[in-house]
PDB file of N, CA and C in Angstrom:
ATOM      1  N   UNK A   1     -12.106   3.214 -22.521  1.00  0.00           N
ATOM      2  CA  UNK A   1     -11.801   4.530 -21.931  1.00  0.00           C
ATOM      3  C   UNK A   1     -11.574   3.963 -20.593  1.00  0.00           C
ATOM      4  N   UNK A   2     -12.933   4.471 -20.196  1.00  0.00           N
ATOM      5  CA  UNK A   2     -13.601   3.550 -18.826  1.00  0.00           C
ATOM      6  C   UNK A   2     -12.194   3.241 -18.095  1.00  0.00           C
ATOM      7  N   UNK A   3     -12.347   1.903 -18.264  1.00  0.00           N
ATOM      8  CA  UNK A   3     -11.065   1.240 -17.998  1.00  0.00           C
ATOM      9  C   UNK A   3     -10.256   1.724 -17.930  1.00  0.00           C
ATOM     10  N   UNK A   4      -9.429   2.707 -18.303  1.00  0.00           N
ATOM     11  CA  UNK A   4      -8.579   3.536 -18.245  1.00  0.00           C
ATOM     12  C   UNK A   4      -8.746   4.690 -17.289  1.00  0.00           C
ATOM     13  N   UNK A   5      -9.720   4.843 -17.026  1.00  0.00           N
ATOM     14  CA  UNK A   5      -9.868   5.883 -16.072  1.00  0.00           C
ATOM     15  C   UNK A   5      -9.983   5.473 -14.581  1.00  0.00           C
ATOM     16  N   UNK A   6     -10.826   4.288 -14.492  1.00  0.00           N
ATOM     17  CA  UNK A   6     -10.461   3.055 -13.338  1.00  0.00           C
ATOM     18  C   UNK A   6      -8.927   2.828 -12.951  1.00  0.00           C
ATOM     19  N   UNK A   7      -7.889   2.843 -13.485  1.00  0.00           N
ATOM     20  CA  UNK A   7      -6.996   2.444 -13.466  1.00  0.00           C
ATOM     21  C   UNK A   7      -6.440   3.553 -13.152  1.00  0.00           C
ATOM     22  N   UNK A   8      -6.886   4.225 -13.664  1.00  0.00           N
ATOM     23  CA  UNK A   8      -5.372   5.675 -13.167  1.00  0.00           C
ATOM     24  C   UNK A   8      -6.177   5.636 -11.746  1.00  0.00           C
ATOM     25  N   UNK A   9      -7.880   5.649 -11.653  1.00  0.00           N
ATOM     26  CA  UNK A   9      -8.005   6.035 -10.101  1.00  0.00           C
ATOM     27  C   UNK A   9      -7.761   5.746  -8.951  1.00  0.00           C
ATOM     28  N   UNK A  10      -7.339   4.311  -9.426  1.00  0.00           N
ATOM     29  CA  UNK A  10      -6.635   2.922  -8.776  1.00  0.00           C
ATOM     30  C   UNK A  10      -5.538   3.115  -8.408  1.00  0.00           C
ATOM     31  N   UNK A  11      -4.952   4.119  -9.644  1.00  0.00           N
ATOM     32  CA  UNK A  11      -3.223   4.696  -9.044  1.00  0.00           C
ATOM     33  C   UNK A  11      -2.897   5.658  -8.199  1.00  0.00           C
ATOM     34  N   UNK A  12      -4.082   6.406  -8.613  1.00  0.00           N
ATOM     35  CA  UNK A  12      -3.817   7.743  -7.753  1.00  0.00           C
ATOM     36  C   UNK A  12      -3.968   7.680  -6.555  1.00  0.00           C
ATOM     37  N   UNK A  13      -5.001   6.599  -6.073  1.00  0.00           N
ATOM     38  CA  UNK A  13      -5.646   5.712  -4.488  1.00  0.00           C
ATOM     39  C   UNK A  13      -4.454   5.701  -3.911  1.00  0.00           C
ATOM     40  N   UNK A  14      -3.527   4.345  -4.747  1.00  0.00           N
ATOM     41  CA  UNK A  14      -2.428   3.862  -4.179  1.00  0.00           C
ATOM     42  C   UNK A  14      -1.100   5.300  -3.584  1.00  0.00           C
ATOM     43  N   UNK A  15      -1.201   6.240  -4.585  1.00  0.00           N
ATOM     44  CA  UNK A  15       0.122   7.397  -4.763  1.00  0.00           C
ATOM     45  C   UNK A  15      -0.135   7.869  -3.180  1.00  0.00           C
ATOM     46  N   UNK A  16      -1.688   8.318  -2.885  1.00  0.00           N
ATOM     47  CA  UNK A  16      -1.842   8.316  -1.869  1.00  0.00           C
ATOM     48  C   UNK A  16      -2.389   8.499  -0.177  1.00  0.00           C
ATOM     49  N   UNK A  17      -2.554   6.891  -0.750  1.00  0.00           N
ATOM     50  CA  UNK A  17      -2.365   6.304   0.720  1.00  0.00           C
ATOM     51  C   UNK A  17      -0.408   6.010   1.299  1.00  0.00           C
ATOM     52  N   UNK A  18      -0.249   6.274  -0.030  1.00  0.00           N
ATOM     53  CA  UNK A  18       1.325   6.186   0.140  1.00  0.00           C
ATOM     54  C   UNK A  18       1.664   6.958   1.124  1.00  0.00           C
ATOM     55  N   UNK A  19       1.344   8.654   0.518  1.00  0.00           N
ATOM     56  CA  UNK A  19       2.266   9.475   0.881  1.00  0.00           C
ATOM     57  C   UNK A  19       1.205  10.316   2.463  1.00  0.00           C
ATOM     58  N   UNK A  20      -0.111   9.152   2.698  1.00  0.00           N
ATOM     59  CA  UNK A  20      -0.782   9.572   4.179  1.00  0.00           C
ATOM     60  C   UNK A  20       0.292   8.973   4.661  1.00  0.00           C
ATOM     61  N   UNK A  21       0.652   7.211   4.779  1.00  0.00           N
ATOM     62  CA  UNK A  21       1.375   6.896   5.184  1.00  0.00           C
ATOM     63  C   UNK A  21       2.472   7.639   5.881  1.00  0.00           C
ATOM     64  N   UNK A  22       3.470   8.590   4.602  1.00  0.00           N
ATOM     65  CA  UNK A  22       5.217   9.445   5.173  1.00  0.00           C
ATOM     66  C   UNK A  22       3.701  10.200   5.463  1.00  0.00           C
ATOM     67  N   UNK A  23       3.366  11.287   6.145  1.00  0.00           N
ATOM     68  CA  UNK A  23       2.445  11.800   7.108  1.00  0.00           C
ATOM     69  C   UNK A  23       1.976  11.473   8.244  1.00  0.00           C
ATOM     70  N   UNK A  24       1.490  10.188   8.169  1.00  0.00           N
ATOM     71  CA  UNK A  24       1.440   9.518   9.796  1.00  0.00           C
ATOM     72  C   UNK A  24       2.743   9.238  10.448  1.00  0.00           C
ATOM     73  N   UNK A  25       3.930   8.451   9.208  1.00  0.00           N
ATOM     74  CA  UNK A  25       5.123   8.156  11.059  1.00  0.00           C
ATOM     75  C   UNK A  25       5.104   9.529  10.867  1.00  0.00           C
ATOM     76  N   UNK A  26       5.408  10.720  10.436  1.00  0.00           N
ATOM     77  CA  UNK A  26       5.774  11.839  10.633  1.00  0.00           C
ATOM     78  C   UNK A  26       6.890  12.142  11.354  1.00  0.00           C
ATOM     79  N   UNK A  27       7.483  12.076  12.600  1.00  0.00           N
ATOM     80  CA  UNK A  27       8.982  12.208  13.413  1.00  0.00           C
ATOM     81  C   UNK A  27       9.296  11.286  13.876  1.00  0.00           C
ATOM     82  N   UNK A  28       8.998   9.731  13.963  1.00  0.00           N
ATOM     83  CA  UNK A  28       8.595   8.525  13.631  1.00  0.00           C
ATOM     84  C   UNK A  28       9.952   8.018  13.393  1.00  0.00           C
ATOM     85  N   UNK A  29      10.975   7.576  14.261  1.00  0.00           N
ATOM     86  CA  UNK A  29      11.958   7.159  12.981  1.00  0.00           C
ATOM     87  C   UNK A  29      12.935   5.605  13.410  1.00  0.00           C
ATOM     88  N   UNK A  30      11.579   5.163  14.303  1.00  0.00           N
ATOM     89  CA  UNK A  30      12.478   3.946  14.958  1.00  0.00           C
ATOM     90  C   UNK A  30      11.105   2.325  15.183  1.00  0.00           C
ATOM     91  N   UNK A  31      11.682   1.031  15.324  1.00  0.00           N
ATOM     92  CA  UNK A  31      10.598   0.919  14.734  1.00  0.00           C
ATOM     93  C   UNK A  31       9.784   0.457  16.681  1.00  0.00           C
ATOM     94  N   UNK A  32      10.663   1.252  17.477  1.00  0.00           N
ATOM     95  CA  UNK A  32      10.239   1.321  18.776  1.00  0.00           C
ATOM     96  C   UNK A  32       8.746   2.548  19.413  1.00  0.00           C
ATOM     97  N   UNK A  33       9.305   2.618  18.444  1.00  0.00           N
ATOM     98  CA  UNK A  33       8.364   4.012  18.511  1.00  0.00           C
ATOM     99  C   UNK A  33       6.921   3.880  17.513  1.00  0.00           C
ATOM    100  N   UNK A  34       7.151   3.280  17.149  1.00  0.00           N
ATOM    101  CA  UNK A  34       6.234   2.514  15.374  1.00  0.00           C
ATOM    102  C   UNK A  34       5.256   2.165  16.817  1.00  0.00           C
ATOM    103  N   UNK A  35       5.764   0.920  17.562  1.00  0.00           N
ATOM    104  CA  UNK A  35       5.464  -0.044  17.881  1.00  0.00           C
ATOM    105  C   UNK A  35       4.037   0.175  19.243  1.00  0.00           C
ATOM    106  N   UNK A  36       5.134   1.640  19.540  1.00  0.00           N
ATOM    107  CA  UNK A  36       4.035   1.985  21.028  1.00  0.00           C
ATOM    108  C   UNK A  36       3.165   2.954  20.296  1.00  0.00           C
ATOM    109  N   UNK A  37       3.048   3.849  18.542  1.00  0.00           N
ATOM    110  CA  UNK A  37       1.968   4.140  18.974  1.00  0.00           C
ATOM    111  C   UNK A  37       0.356   3.919  17.689  1.00  0.00           C
ATOM    112  N   UNK A  38      -0.816   3.272  18.646  1.00  0.00           N
ATOM    113  CA  UNK A  38      -1.421   2.617  18.438  1.00  0.00           C
ATOM    114  C   UNK A  38      -2.712   2.906  17.205  1.00  0.00           C
ATOM    115  N   UNK A  39      -1.890   4.181  17.242  1.00  0.00           N
ATOM    116  CA  UNK A  39      -3.134   5.398  16.527  1.00  0.00           C
ATOM    117  C   UNK A  39      -2.111   5.508  14.584  1.00  0.00           C
ATOM    118  N   UNK A  40      -0.412   5.061  15.064  1.00  0.00           N
ATOM    119  CA  UNK A  40      -0.108   5.647  13.846  1.00  0.00           C
ATOM    120  C   UNK A  40      -0.232   4.151  12.536  1.00  0.00           C
ATOM    121  N   UNK A  41      -0.354   2.704  14.114  1.00  0.00           N
ATOM    122  CA  UNK A  41       0.315   1.593  13.295  1.00  0.00           C
ATOM    123  C   UNK A  41      -1.591   1.403  12.892  1.00  0.00           C
ATOM    124  N   UNK A  42      -2.497   1.968  13.752  1.00  0.00           N
ATOM    125  CA  UNK A  42      -4.077   1.552  13.135  1.00  0.00           C
ATOM    126  C   UNK A  42      -4.207   2.245  11.536  1.00  0.00           C
ATOM    127  N   UNK A  43      -3.830   3.683  11.589  1.00  0.00           N
ATOM    128  CA  UNK A  43      -4.048   4.532  10.549  1.00  0.00           C
ATOM    129  C   UNK A  43      -2.464   3.119   9.366  1.00  0.00           C
ATOM    130  N   UNK A  44      -1.845   3.617   9.350  1.00  0.00           N
ATOM    131  CA  UNK A  44      -1.020   3.419   8.557  1.00  0.00           C
ATOM    132  C   UNK A  44      -1.239   1.702   7.606  1.00  0.00           C
ATOM    133  N   UNK A  45      -1.795   0.778   8.920  1.00  0.00           N
ATOM    134  CA  UNK A  45      -3.030  -0.876   8.565  1.00  0.00           C
ATOM    135  C   UNK A  45      -4.064  -1.227   7.321  1.00  0.00           C
ATOM    136  N   UNK A  46      -4.480   0.728   8.180  1.00  0.00           N
ATOM    137  CA  UNK A  46      -5.373   0.747   6.708  1.00  0.00           C
ATOM    138  C   UNK A  46      -5.920   2.226   5.969  1.00  0.00           C
ATOM    139  N   UNK A  47      -4.658   2.445   5.505  1.00  0.00           N
ATOM    140  CA  UNK A  47      -4.171   2.712   4.373  1.00  0.00           C
ATOM    141  C   UNK A  47      -3.009   1.612   3.482  1.00  0.00           C
ATOM    142  N   UNK A  48      -2.354   0.803   3.828  1.00  0.00           N
ATOM    143  CA  UNK A  48      -1.864  -0.996   3.395  1.00  0.00           C
ATOM    144  C   UNK A  48      -2.779  -1.591   2.475  1.00  0.00           C
ATOM    145  N   UNK A  49      -3.636  -1.736   3.549  1.00  0.00           N
ATOM    146  CA  UNK A  49      -5.479  -2.414   2.842  1.00  0.00           C
ATOM    147  C   UNK A  49      -5.628  -1.560   2.237  1.00  0.00           C
ATOM    148  N   UNK A  50      -5.679  -0.133   1.563  1.00  0.00           N
ATOM    149  CA  UNK A  50      -6.246   0.508   0.828  1.00  0.00           C
ATOM    150  C   UNK A  50      -5.329   0.010  -0.353  1.00  0.00           C
ATOM    151  N   UNK A  51      -4.378   0.210  -0.547  1.00  0.00           N
ATOM    152  CA  UNK A  51      -3.109   0.172  -1.514  1.00  0.00           C
ATOM    153  C   UNK A  51      -3.388  -1.202  -1.644  1.00  0.00           C
ATOM    154  N   UNK A  52      -3.627  -2.767  -0.821  1.00  0.00           N
ATOM    155  CA  UNK A  52      -3.907  -4.052  -1.691  1.00  0.00           C
ATOM    156  C   UNK A  52      -4.603  -4.150  -2.429  1.00  0.00           C
ATOM    157  N   UNK A  53      -6.043  -3.507  -2.385  1.00  0.00           N
ATOM    158  CA  UNK A  53      -7.517  -2.917  -2.688  1.00  0.00           C
ATOM    159  C   UNK A  53      -7.112  -2.909  -3.953  1.00  0.00           C
ATOM    160  N   UNK A  54      -6.159  -1.996  -3.678  1.00  0.00           N
ATOM    161  CA  UNK A  54      -5.918  -1.046  -4.891  1.00  0.00           C
ATOM    162  C   UNK A  54      -5.563  -1.723  -5.780  1.00  0.00           C
ATOM    163  N   UNK A  55      -4.772  -2.431  -5.693  1.00  0.00           N
ATOM    164  CA  UNK A  55      -3.851  -3.490  -6.775  1.00  0.00           C
ATOM    165  C   UNK A  55      -4.682  -4.957  -7.238  1.00  0.00           C
ATOM    166  N   UNK A  56      -5.294  -4.989  -6.108  1.00  0.00           N
ATOM    167  CA  UNK A  56      -6.305  -6.458  -6.695  1.00  0.00           C
ATOM    168  C   UNK A  56      -7.124  -6.285  -7.591  1.00  0.00           C
ATOM    169  N   UNK A  57      -8.257  -5.168  -7.110  1.00  0.00           N
ATOM    170  CA  UNK A  57      -8.961  -3.847  -8.474  1.00  0.00           C
ATOM    171  C   UNK A  57      -7.878  -4.191  -9.882  1.00  0.00           C
ATOM    172  N   UNK A  58      -6.604  -3.781  -9.982  1.00  0.00           N
ATOM    173  CA  UNK A  58      -6.600  -3.470 -10.840  1.00  0.00           C
ATOM    174  C   UNK A  58      -6.199  -4.706 -12.377  1.00  0.00           C
ATOM    175  N   UNK A  59      -5.585  -5.641 -11.047  1.00  0.00           N
ATOM    176  CA  UNK A  59      -5.506  -6.923 -11.629  1.00  0.00           C
ATOM    177  C   UNK A  59      -6.910  -7.544 -12.383  1.00  0.00           C
ATOM    178  N   UNK A  60      -7.359  -6.899 -11.653  1.00  0.00           N
ATOM    179  CA  UNK A  60      -9.471  -7.922 -11.900  1.00  0.00           C
ATOM    180  C   UNK A  60      -8.975  -6.800 -12.860  1.00  0.00           C
ATOM    181  N   UNK A  61      -9.535  -5.312 -12.876  1.00  0.00           N
ATOM    182  CA  UNK A  61      -9.667  -5.373 -14.226  1.00  0.00           C
ATOM    183  C   UNK A  61      -9.149  -5.569 -15.405  1.00  0.00           C
ATOM    184  N   UNK A  62      -7.997  -5.924 -16.348  1.00  0.00           N
ATOM    185  CA  UNK A  62      -6.714  -5.715 -16.319  1.00  0.00           C
ATOM    186  C   UNK A  62      -5.158  -6.700 -15.779  1.00  0.00           C
ATOM    187  N   UNK A  63      -6.092  -8.264 -16.433  1.00  0.00           N
ATOM    188  CA  UNK A  63      -4.791  -9.551 -15.661  1.00  0.00           C
ATOM    189  C   UNK A  63      -3.331  -9.380 -15.997  1.00  0.00           C
ATOM    190  N   UNK A  64      -3.420  -8.433 -17.576  1.00  0.00           N
ATOM    191  CA  UNK A  64      -1.890  -8.019 -18.048  1.00  0.00           C
ATOM    192  C   UNK A  64      -1.218  -7.434 -17.567  1.00  0.00           C
ATOM    193  N   UNK A  65      -1.699  -6.375 -17.273  1.00  0.00           N
ATOM    194  CA  UNK A  65      -1.289  -5.174 -16.557  1.00  0.00           C
ATOM    195  C   UNK A  65      -0.348  -5.117 -14.414  1.00  0.00           C
ATOM    196  N   UNK A  66       0.345  -5.642 -14.345  1.00  0.00           N
ATOM    197  CA  UNK A  66       0.433  -6.038 -12.650  1.00  0.00           C
ATOM    198  C   UNK A  66       1.070  -5.465 -12.725  1.00  0.00           C
ATOM    199  N   UNK A  67       1.352  -5.153 -11.444  1.00  0.00           N
ATOM    200  CA  UNK A  67       2.016  -4.498 -10.301  1.00  0.00           C
ATOM    201  C   UNK A  67       3.389  -5.708 -10.357  1.00  0.00           C
ATOM    202  N   UNK A  68       4.773  -4.557 -10.538  1.00  0.00           N
ATOM    203  CA  UNK A  68       5.296  -5.750  -9.979  1.00  0.00           C
ATOM    204  C   UNK A  68       5.194  -5.942  -8.285  1.00  0.00           C
ATOM    205  N   UNK A  69       6.063  -7.279  -7.936  1.00  0.00           N
ATOM    206  CA  UNK A  69       5.502  -8.044  -7.016  1.00  0.00           C
ATOM    207  C   UNK A  69       4.113  -8.250  -6.485  1.00  0.00           C
ATOM    208  N   UNK A  70       2.625  -7.951  -6.838  1.00  0.00           N
ATOM    209  CA  UNK A  70       1.686  -7.648  -6.501  1.00  0.00           C
ATOM    210  C   UNK A  70       0.749  -8.878  -5.969  1.00  0.00           C
ATOM    211  N   UNK A  71       1.821  -9.605  -6.151  1.00  0.00           N
ATOM    212  CA  UNK A  71       1.236 -11.083  -5.316  1.00  0.00           C
ATOM    213  C   UNK A  71       1.752 -11.690  -3.730  1.00  0.00           C
ATOM    214  N   UNK A  72       2.716 -10.516  -3.523  1.00  0.00           N
ATOM    215  CA  UNK A  72       3.270  -9.983  -1.737  1.00  0.00           C
ATOM    216  C   UNK A  72       1.943  -9.057  -1.396  1.00  0.00           C
ATOM    217  N   UNK A  73       2.023  -8.095  -2.329  1.00  0.00           N
ATOM    218  CA  UNK A  73       0.503  -7.540  -2.020  1.00  0.00           C
ATOM    219  C   UNK A  73      -0.560  -6.824  -1.563  1.00  0.00           C
ATOM    220  N   UNK A  74      -0.882  -7.393  -2.515  1.00  0.00           N
ATOM    221  CA  UNK A  74      -2.507  -8.652  -2.735  1.00  0.00           C
ATOM    222  C   UNK A  74      -2.402  -9.757  -1.425  1.00  0.00           C
ATOM    223  N   UNK A  75      -1.219 -10.565  -0.605  1.00  0.00           N
ATOM    224  CA  UNK A  75      -1.457 -11.076   0.317  1.00  0.00           C
ATOM    225  C   UNK A  75      -0.845 -10.938   1.516  1.00  0.00           C
ATOM    226  N   UNK A  76      -0.702  -9.801   1.314  1.00  0.00           N
ATOM    227  CA  UNK A  76      -0.756  -8.973   3.160  1.00  0.00           C
ATOM    228  C   UNK A  76      -1.570  -8.126   3.156  1.00  0.00           C
ATOM    229  N   UNK A  77      -2.391  -7.626   2.103  1.00  0.00           N
ATOM    230  CA  UNK A  77      -3.802  -7.040   2.316  1.00  0.00           C
ATOM    231  C   UNK A  77      -4.802  -8.198   2.893  1.00  0.00           C
ATOM    232  N   UNK A  78      -4.401  -9.059   2.889  1.00  0.00           N
ATOM    233  CA  UNK A  78      -5.436 -10.485   2.950  1.00  0.00           C
ATOM    234  C   UNK A  78      -5.739 -10.856   4.419  1.00  0.00           C
ATOM    235  N   UNK A  79      -3.634 -11.460   4.566  1.00  0.00           N
ATOM    236  CA  UNK A  79      -3.585 -10.908   6.032  1.00  0.00           C
ATOM    237  C   UNK A  79      -4.109  -9.911   7.279  1.00  0.00           C
ATOM    238  N   UNK A  80      -4.217  -8.204   6.289  1.00  0.00           N
ATOM    239  CA  UNK A  80      -4.587  -6.782   6.908  1.00  0.00           C
ATOM    240  C   UNK A  80      -5.965  -7.328   7.404  1.00  0.00           C
ATOM    241  N   UNK A  81      -6.307  -8.015   6.485  1.00  0.00           N
ATOM    242  CA  UNK A  81      -8.298  -7.793   6.658  1.00  0.00           C
ATOM    243  C   UNK A  81      -9.181  -9.401   7.553  1.00  0.00           C
ATOM    244  N   UNK A  82      -8.070 -10.108   7.186  1.00  0.00           N
ATOM    245  CA  UNK A  82      -8.432 -11.068   7.394  1.00  0.00           C
ATOM    246  C   UNK A  82      -8.155 -11.964   8.321  1.00  0.00           C
ATOM    247  N   UNK A  83      -6.673 -11.868   8.945  1.00  0.00           N
ATOM    248  CA  UNK A  83      -6.039 -12.053  10.271  1.00  0.00           C
ATOM    249  C   UNK A  83      -5.498 -10.796  10.926  1.00  0.00           C
ATOM    250  N   UNK A  84      -6.100 -10.100  10.689  1.00  0.00           N
ATOM    251  CA  UNK A  84      -5.860  -8.554  11.437  1.00  0.00           C
ATOM    252  C   UNK A  84      -5.191  -8.757  13.176  1.00  0.00           C
ATOM    253  N   UNK A  85      -5.918  -9.909  14.007  1.00  0.00           N
ATOM    254  CA  UNK A  85      -4.612  -9.879  15.615  1.00  0.00           C
ATOM    255  C   UNK A  85      -3.619 -10.530  14.541  1.00  0.00           C
ATOM    256  N   UNK A  86      -3.137 -11.617  13.912  1.00  0.00           N
ATOM    257  CA  UNK A  86      -2.201 -11.595  14.004  1.00  0.00           C
ATOM    258  C   UNK A  86      -0.642 -10.642  12.498  1.00  0.00           C
ATOM    259  N   UNK A  87      -1.069  -9.489  12.773  1.00  0.00           N
ATOM    260  CA  UNK A  87       0.257  -9.026  12.091  1.00  0.00           C
ATOM    261  C   UNK A  87       1.002  -7.964  12.945  1.00  0.00           C
ATOM    262  N   UNK A  88       2.156  -9.006  12.070  1.00  0.00           N
ATOM    263  CA  UNK A  88       3.781  -9.052  12.914  1.00  0.00           C
ATOM    264  C   UNK A  88       4.279  -7.366  12.197  1.00  0.00           C
ATOM    265  N   UNK A  89       4.091  -6.307  13.540  1.00  0.00           N
ATOM    266  CA  UNK A  89       4.736  -4.921  13.319  1.00  0.00           C
ATOM    267  C   UNK A  89       5.946  -5.709  12.686  1.00  0.00           C
ATOM    268  N   UNK A  90       7.041  -6.100  12.368  1.00  0.00           N
ATOM    269  CA  UNK A  90       8.094  -5.858  11.997  1.00  0.00           C
ATOM    270  C   UNK A  90       7.468  -6.293  10.280  1.00  0.00           C
ATOM    271  N   UNK A  91       6.867  -6.685   9.983  1.00  0.00           N
ATOM    272  CA  UNK A  91       7.010  -7.234   8.475  1.00  0.00           C
ATOM    273  C   UNK A  91       5.842  -5.019   7.887  1.00  0.00           C
ATOM    274  N   UNK A  92       5.540  -5.144   8.429  1.00  0.00           N
ATOM    275  CA  UNK A  92       4.856  -3.583   9.008  1.00  0.00           C
ATOM    276  C   UNK A  92       5.644  -2.630   7.971  1.00  0.00           C
ATOM    277  N   UNK A  93       6.930  -2.341   9.204  1.00  0.00           N
ATOM    278  CA  UNK A  93       7.499  -1.437   9.645  1.00  0.00           C
ATOM    279  C   UNK A  93       9.248  -1.781   8.232  1.00  0.00           C
ATOM    280  N   UNK A  94       9.076  -3.073   7.625  1.00  0.00           N
ATOM    281  CA  UNK A  94       9.530  -3.357   6.469  1.00  0.00           C
ATOM    282  C   UNK A  94       9.600  -3.564   5.994  1.00  0.00           C
ATOM    283  N   UNK A  95       7.796  -3.017   5.271  1.00  0.00           N
ATOM    284  CA  UNK A  95       7.499  -2.650   4.093  1.00  0.00           C
ATOM    285  C   UNK A  95       7.215  -1.250   4.002  1.00  0.00           C
ATOM    286  N   UNK A  96       7.147  -0.421   5.276  1.00  0.00           N
ATOM    287  CA  UNK A  96       7.147   1.027   5.164  1.00  0.00           C
ATOM    288  C   UNK A  96       8.981   1.781   4.536  1.00  0.00           C
ATOM    289  N   UNK A  97       9.918   0.497   5.425  1.00  0.00           N
ATOM    290  CA  UNK A  97      10.814   1.848   5.292  1.00  0.00           C
ATOM    291  C   UNK A  97      11.504   1.086   3.816  1.00  0.00           C
ATOM    292  N   UNK A  98      11.511  -0.827   3.435  1.00  0.00           N
ATOM    293  CA  UNK A  98      11.935  -0.658   2.512  1.00  0.00           C
ATOM    294  C   UNK A  98      11.019  -0.860   0.818  1.00  0.00           C
ATOM    295  N   UNK A  99       9.948  -1.142   0.948  1.00  0.00           N
ATOM    296  CA  UNK A  99       8.747  -1.327  -0.189  1.00  0.00           C
ATOM    297  C   UNK A  99       8.520  -0.011  -0.558  1.00  0.00           C
ATOM    298  N   UNK A 100       7.399   0.557   0.593  1.00  0.00           N
ATOM    299  CA  UNK A 100       6.715   1.484  -0.164  1.00  0.00           C
ATOM    300  C   UNK A 100       7.374   3.034  -0.745  1.00  0.00           C
ATOM    301  N   UNK A 101       8.517   3.683  -1.066  1.00  0.00           N
ATOM    302  CA  UNK A 101       8.980   4.081  -2.274  1.00  0.00           C
ATOM    303  C   UNK A 101       9.207   3.476  -3.468  1.00  0.00           C
ATOM    304  N   UNK A 102       9.263   2.426  -3.836  1.00  0.00           N
ATOM    305  CA  UNK A 102       9.576   1.210  -4.601  1.00  0.00           C
ATOM    306  C   UNK A 102       8.763   1.161  -5.447  1.00  0.00           C
ATOM    307  N   UNK A 103       7.457   1.026  -5.251  1.00  0.00           N
ATOM    308  CA  UNK A 103       5.223   0.784  -4.741  1.00  0.00           C
ATOM    309  C   UNK A 103       5.817   1.989  -5.475  1.00  0.00           C
ATOM    310  N   UNK A 104       5.452   3.413  -4.942  1.00  0.00           N
ATOM    311  CA  UNK A 104       5.242   4.680  -5.311  1.00  0.00           C
ATOM    312  C   UNK A 104       5.982   4.992  -7.422  1.00  0.00           C
ATOM    313  N   UNK A 105       6.964   4.636  -6.484  1.00  0.00           N
ATOM    314  CA  UNK A 105       8.205   4.477  -8.806  1.00  0.00           C
ATOM    315  C   UNK A 105       7.293   4.333  -9.487  1.00  0.00           C
ATOM    316  N   UNK A 106       7.270   3.215  -9.098  1.00  0.00           N
ATOM    317  CA  UNK A 106       6.576   1.981 -10.102  1.00  0.00           C
ATOM    318  C   UNK A 106       5.190   3.144 -10.242  1.00  0.00           C
ATOM    319  N   UNK A 107       4.816   3.137  -9.421  1.00  0.00           N
ATOM    320  CA  UNK A 107       3.055   3.698  -9.722  1.00  0.00           C
ATOM    321  C   UNK A 107       2.782   4.531 -10.222  1.00  0.00           C
ATOM    322  N   UNK A 108       4.219   5.933 -10.388  1.00  0.00           N
ATOM    323  CA  UNK A 108       4.026   7.323 -10.832  1.00  0.00           C
ATOM    324  C   UNK A 108       4.678   6.760 -12.220  1.00  0.00           C
ATOM    325  N   UNK A 109       5.933   5.121 -12.886  1.00  0.00           N
ATOM    326  CA  UNK A 109       5.599   5.143 -13.883  1.00  0.00           C
ATOM    327  C   UNK A 109       4.627   5.110 -14.728  1.00  0.00           C
ATOM    328  N   UNK A 110       3.877   4.274 -13.993  1.00  0.00           N
ATOM    329  CA  UNK A 110       1.790   4.172 -14.737  1.00  0.00           C
ATOM    330  C   UNK A 110       1.364   5.242 -14.728  1.00  0.00           C
ATOM    331  N   UNK A 111       1.566   5.982 -14.369  1.00  0.00           N
ATOM    332  CA  UNK A 111       0.532   7.534 -14.181  1.00  0.00           C
ATOM    333  C   UNK A 111       1.042   7.657 -15.216  1.00  0.00           C
ATOM    334  N   UNK A 112       2.326   8.414 -15.932  1.00  0.00           N
ATOM    335  CA  UNK A 112       3.341   9.359 -16.364  1.00  0.00           C
ATOM    336  C   UNK A 112       2.414   8.074 -17.942  1.00  0.00           C
ATOM    337  N   UNK A 113       2.394   6.623 -18.605  1.00  0.00           N
ATOM    338  CA  UNK A 113       2.275   6.127 -18.972  1.00  0.00           C
ATOM    339  C   UNK A 113       0.802   6.220 -19.528  1.00  0.00           C
ATOM    340  N   UNK A 114       0.245   6.680 -19.205  1.00  0.00           N
ATOM    341  CA  UNK A 114      -1.769   6.498 -19.179  1.00  0.00           C
ATOM    342  C   UNK A 114      -1.738   7.613 -19.363  1.00  0.00           C
TER     343      UNK A 114
END
């Protein structure tokens, strides 16, 4: 039971981080606007790190319960943490534009199941 509670908390952390990323972006619609806003970039990178850590912890708790593309998420978390000076803004932007809403949907489904 405790394991299910921990997983649910981690799933909620993922949703909260995605919501914060959406909030931080606010009116920023263009890649060029994103790249010059250091505060927003830093805040978003932090939240992406939290997402990656939560996915990693879920995998550690229950290796059978894997989130779609979990290895990519964990791999990017490792880049954010260990190669912070080599972060490619275009990859972050691509994740924001193409992947976060899909991840949010996957996590929402997981939360409805539990």
